[in-house]
């Protein structure tokens, strides 16, 4: 799940089955690894999946040191907060989230869709 906010956005990955501790552990390992890679400016994962031209990636790759990637384990998965202060980096995070949502249309959902 990708939810844009004023300082960037939040990526949440939630296990379909709350009892599936193996799945939850895998989600937590995946997101914590992403957080560590992103903090070093390594966006090879998204590039491999979405291509070099993925919106927002160029700005995030060059401006990664000015973005905080805050990982947090959840009871049923994990979340990663993307926090930036500069408008162009916040825009880049939003563009990146939009691209994730359009590329993973079947699996990813915007956080706003959940508030029925």
C-alpha atoms as a PDB file:
ATOM      1  CA  UNK A   1       0.000   0.000   0.000  1.00  0.00           C
ATOM      2  CA  UNK A   2       1.333   3.430  -0.953  1.00  0.00           C
ATOM      3  CA  UNK A   3       0.004   6.525   0.797  1.00  0.00           C
ATOM      4  CA  UNK A   4       1.297   9.950  -0.199  1.00  0.00           C
ATOM      5  CA  UNK A   5       1.551  12.637   2.479  1.00  0.00           C
ATOM      6  CA  UNK A   6       2.914  16.155   2.946  1.00  0.00           C
ATOM      7  CA  UNK A   7       6.466  15.016   3.745  1.00  0.00           C
ATOM      8  CA  UNK A   8       6.649  12.219   1.192  1.00  0.00           C
ATOM      9  CA  UNK A   9       4.776   9.009   1.793  1.00  0.00           C
ATOM     10  CA  UNK A  10       4.353   5.680   3.497  1.00  0.00           C
ATOM     11  CA  UNK A  11       4.759   2.266   1.936  1.00  0.00           C
ATOM     12  CA  UNK A  12       3.017  -0.507   3.845  1.00  0.00           C
ATOM     13  CA  UNK A  13       3.199  -4.198   3.106  1.00  0.00           C
ATOM     14  CA  UNK A  14       0.634  -6.219   5.011  1.00  0.00           C
ATOM     15  CA  UNK A  15       0.344 -10.000   5.048  1.00  0.00           C
ATOM     16  CA  UNK A  16      -2.967 -11.297   3.715  1.00  0.00           C
ATOM     17  CA  UNK A  17      -3.074 -13.754   6.602  1.00  0.00           C
ATOM     18  CA  UNK A  18      -2.262 -12.305  10.037  1.00  0.00           C
ATOM     19  CA  UNK A  19      -1.436 -15.830  11.276  1.00  0.00           C
ATOM     20  CA  UNK A  20       1.198 -16.360   8.559  1.00  0.00           C
ATOM     21  CA  UNK A  21       4.266 -15.481  10.615  1.00  0.00           C
ATOM     22  CA  UNK A  22       6.610 -16.735   7.878  1.00  0.00           C
ATOM     23  CA  UNK A  23       5.088 -14.348   5.351  1.00  0.00           C
ATOM     24  CA  UNK A  24       5.202 -11.485   7.875  1.00  0.00           C
ATOM     25  CA  UNK A  25       8.893 -12.162   8.589  1.00  0.00           C
ATOM     26  CA  UNK A  26       9.670 -12.147   4.851  1.00  0.00           C
ATOM     27  CA  UNK A  27       7.833  -8.839   4.431  1.00  0.00           C
ATOM     28  CA  UNK A  28       9.783  -7.321   7.344  1.00  0.00           C
ATOM     29  CA  UNK A  29      13.121  -8.560   5.997  1.00  0.00           C
ATOM     30  CA  UNK A  30      12.308  -7.226   2.531  1.00  0.00           C
ATOM     31  CA  UNK A  31      11.279  -3.759   3.679  1.00  0.00           C
ATOM     32  CA  UNK A  32      14.089  -3.362   6.223  1.00  0.00           C
ATOM     33  CA  UNK A  33      16.564  -4.315   3.474  1.00  0.00           C
ATOM     34  CA  UNK A  34      14.964  -1.775   1.125  1.00  0.00           C
ATOM     35  CA  UNK A  35      15.294   0.898   3.821  1.00  0.00           C
ATOM     36  CA  UNK A  36      19.008   0.139   4.252  1.00  0.00           C
ATOM     37  CA  UNK A  37      19.633   0.125   0.496  1.00  0.00           C
ATOM     38  CA  UNK A  38      17.665   3.318  -0.120  1.00  0.00           C
ATOM     39  CA  UNK A  39      19.561   5.054   2.700  1.00  0.00           C
ATOM     40  CA  UNK A  40      22.768   4.284   0.760  1.00  0.00           C
ATOM     41  CA  UNK A  41      21.277   5.491  -2.532  1.00  0.00           C
ATOM     42  CA  UNK A  42      20.883   1.958  -3.866  1.00  0.00           C
ATOM     43  CA  UNK A  43      17.645   1.832  -5.858  1.00  0.00           C
ATOM     44  CA  UNK A  44      18.643  -1.208  -7.914  1.00  0.00           C
ATOM     45  CA  UNK A  45      15.556  -3.149  -6.796  1.00  0.00           C
ATOM     46  CA  UNK A  46      12.949  -0.717  -8.150  1.00  0.00           C
ATOM     47  CA  UNK A  47      15.109  -0.080 -11.238  1.00  0.00           C
ATOM     48  CA  UNK A  48      15.216  -3.793 -11.986  1.00  0.00           C
ATOM     49  CA  UNK A  49      11.450  -4.107 -11.667  1.00  0.00           C
ATOM     50  CA  UNK A  50      10.298  -0.806 -13.149  1.00  0.00           C
ATOM     51  CA  UNK A  51      13.199   0.304 -15.336  1.00  0.00           C
ATOM     52  CA  UNK A  52      15.706   3.156 -15.122  1.00  0.00           C
ATOM     53  CA  UNK A  53      13.127   5.696 -16.302  1.00  0.00           C
ATOM     54  CA  UNK A  54      10.767   5.115 -13.395  1.00  0.00           C
ATOM     55  CA  UNK A  55       9.341   8.496 -12.309  1.00  0.00           C
ATOM     56  CA  UNK A  56      10.992   9.951  -9.209  1.00  0.00           C
ATOM     57  CA  UNK A  57      13.931   7.537  -9.206  1.00  0.00           C
ATOM     58  CA  UNK A  58      16.501   9.906 -10.687  1.00  0.00           C
ATOM     59  CA  UNK A  59      15.734  12.566  -8.071  1.00  0.00           C
ATOM     60  CA  UNK A  60      15.713   9.994  -5.265  1.00  0.00           C
ATOM     61  CA  UNK A  61      18.988   8.469  -6.461  1.00  0.00           C
ATOM     62  CA  UNK A  62      20.728  11.846  -6.535  1.00  0.00           C
ATOM     63  CA  UNK A  63      18.991  13.265  -3.438  1.00  0.00           C
ATOM     64  CA  UNK A  64      18.828  10.120  -1.303  1.00  0.00           C
ATOM     65  CA  UNK A  65      20.992  11.638   1.461  1.00  0.00           C
ATOM     66  CA  UNK A  66      18.304  14.283   2.032  1.00  0.00           C
ATOM     67  CA  UNK A  67      15.522  11.730   2.366  1.00  0.00           C
ATOM     68  CA  UNK A  68      14.885   9.655   5.488  1.00  0.00           C
ATOM     69  CA  UNK A  69      13.736   6.080   5.029  1.00  0.00           C
ATOM     70  CA  UNK A  70      12.184   5.056   8.322  1.00  0.00           C
ATOM     71  CA  UNK A  71      11.477   1.350   8.637  1.00  0.00           C
ATOM     72  CA  UNK A  72       9.015   0.015  11.190  1.00  0.00           C
ATOM     73  CA  UNK A  73       7.857  -3.542  11.789  1.00  0.00           C
ATOM     74  CA  UNK A  74       4.116  -4.005  12.207  1.00  0.00           C
ATOM     75  CA  UNK A  75       2.246  -6.888  13.812  1.00  0.00           C
ATOM     76  CA  UNK A  76       1.016  -7.993  10.387  1.00  0.00           C
ATOM     77  CA  UNK A  77       3.793  -6.726   8.131  1.00  0.00           C
ATOM     78  CA  UNK A  78       5.973  -3.644   7.883  1.00  0.00           C
ATOM     79  CA  UNK A  79       6.046  -0.052   6.760  1.00  0.00           C
ATOM     80  CA  UNK A  80       8.577   2.332   5.321  1.00  0.00           C
ATOM     81  CA  UNK A  81       8.167   6.094   5.661  1.00  0.00           C
ATOM     82  CA  UNK A  82       9.807   8.273   3.008  1.00  0.00           C
ATOM     83  CA  UNK A  83      10.431  11.670   4.633  1.00  0.00           C
ATOM     84  CA  UNK A  84      11.797  14.703   2.792  1.00  0.00           C
ATOM     85  CA  UNK A  85      11.751  18.467   3.361  1.00  0.00           C
ATOM     86  CA  UNK A  86      12.490  19.751  -0.138  1.00  0.00           C
ATOM     87  CA  UNK A  87       9.505  20.157  -2.480  1.00  0.00           C
ATOM     88  CA  UNK A  88      11.274  18.515  -5.423  1.00  0.00           C
ATOM     89  CA  UNK A  89      12.149  15.450  -3.349  1.00  0.00           C
ATOM     90  CA  UNK A  90       8.617  15.240  -1.972  1.00  0.00           C
ATOM     91  CA  UNK A  91       7.355  15.477  -5.576  1.00  0.00           C
ATOM     92  CA  UNK A  92       9.803  12.723  -6.539  1.00  0.00           C
ATOM     93  CA  UNK A  93       8.473  10.463  -3.766  1.00  0.00           C
ATOM     94  CA  UNK A  94       4.908  11.145  -4.920  1.00  0.00           C
ATOM     95  CA  UNK A  95       5.861  10.391  -8.542  1.00  0.00           C
ATOM     96  CA  UNK A  96       7.590   7.187  -7.416  1.00  0.00           C
ATOM     97  CA  UNK A  97       4.479   6.132  -5.477  1.00  0.00           C
ATOM     98  CA  UNK A  98       2.232   6.919  -8.472  1.00  0.00           C
ATOM     99  CA  UNK A  99       4.460   4.787 -10.684  1.00  0.00           C
ATOM    100  CA  UNK A 100       4.363   1.938  -8.164  1.00  0.00           C
ATOM    101  CA  UNK A 101       0.583   2.151  -8.062  1.00  0.00           C
ATOM    102  CA  UNK A 102       0.216   2.110 -11.848  1.00  0.00           C
ATOM    103  CA  UNK A 103       2.773  -0.688 -12.351  1.00  0.00           C
ATOM    104  CA  UNK A 104       1.355  -2.901  -9.601  1.00  0.00           C
ATOM    105  CA  UNK A 105      -2.252  -1.979 -10.232  1.00  0.00           C
ATOM    106  CA  UNK A 106      -3.466  -5.425  -9.209  1.00  0.00           C
ATOM    107  CA  UNK A 107      -1.466  -5.580  -5.962  1.00  0.00           C
ATOM    108  CA  UNK A 108      -0.811  -2.030  -4.844  1.00  0.00           C
ATOM    109  CA  UNK A 109      -3.515   0.231  -3.538  1.00  0.00           C
ATOM    110  CA  UNK A 110      -3.516   3.898  -2.716  1.00  0.00           C
ATOM    111  CA  UNK A 111      -4.021   4.554   0.944  1.00  0.00           C
ATOM    112  CA  UNK A 112      -6.893   6.863   0.099  1.00  0.00           C
ATOM    113  CA  UNK A 113      -8.935   4.026  -1.386  1.00  0.00           C
ATOM    114  CA  UNK A 114      -9.195   2.447   2.055  1.00  0.00           C
ATOM    115  CA  UNK A 115     -11.276   5.210   3.641  1.00  0.00           C
ATOM    116  CA  UNK A 116     -14.769   4.157   2.554  1.00  0.00           C
END
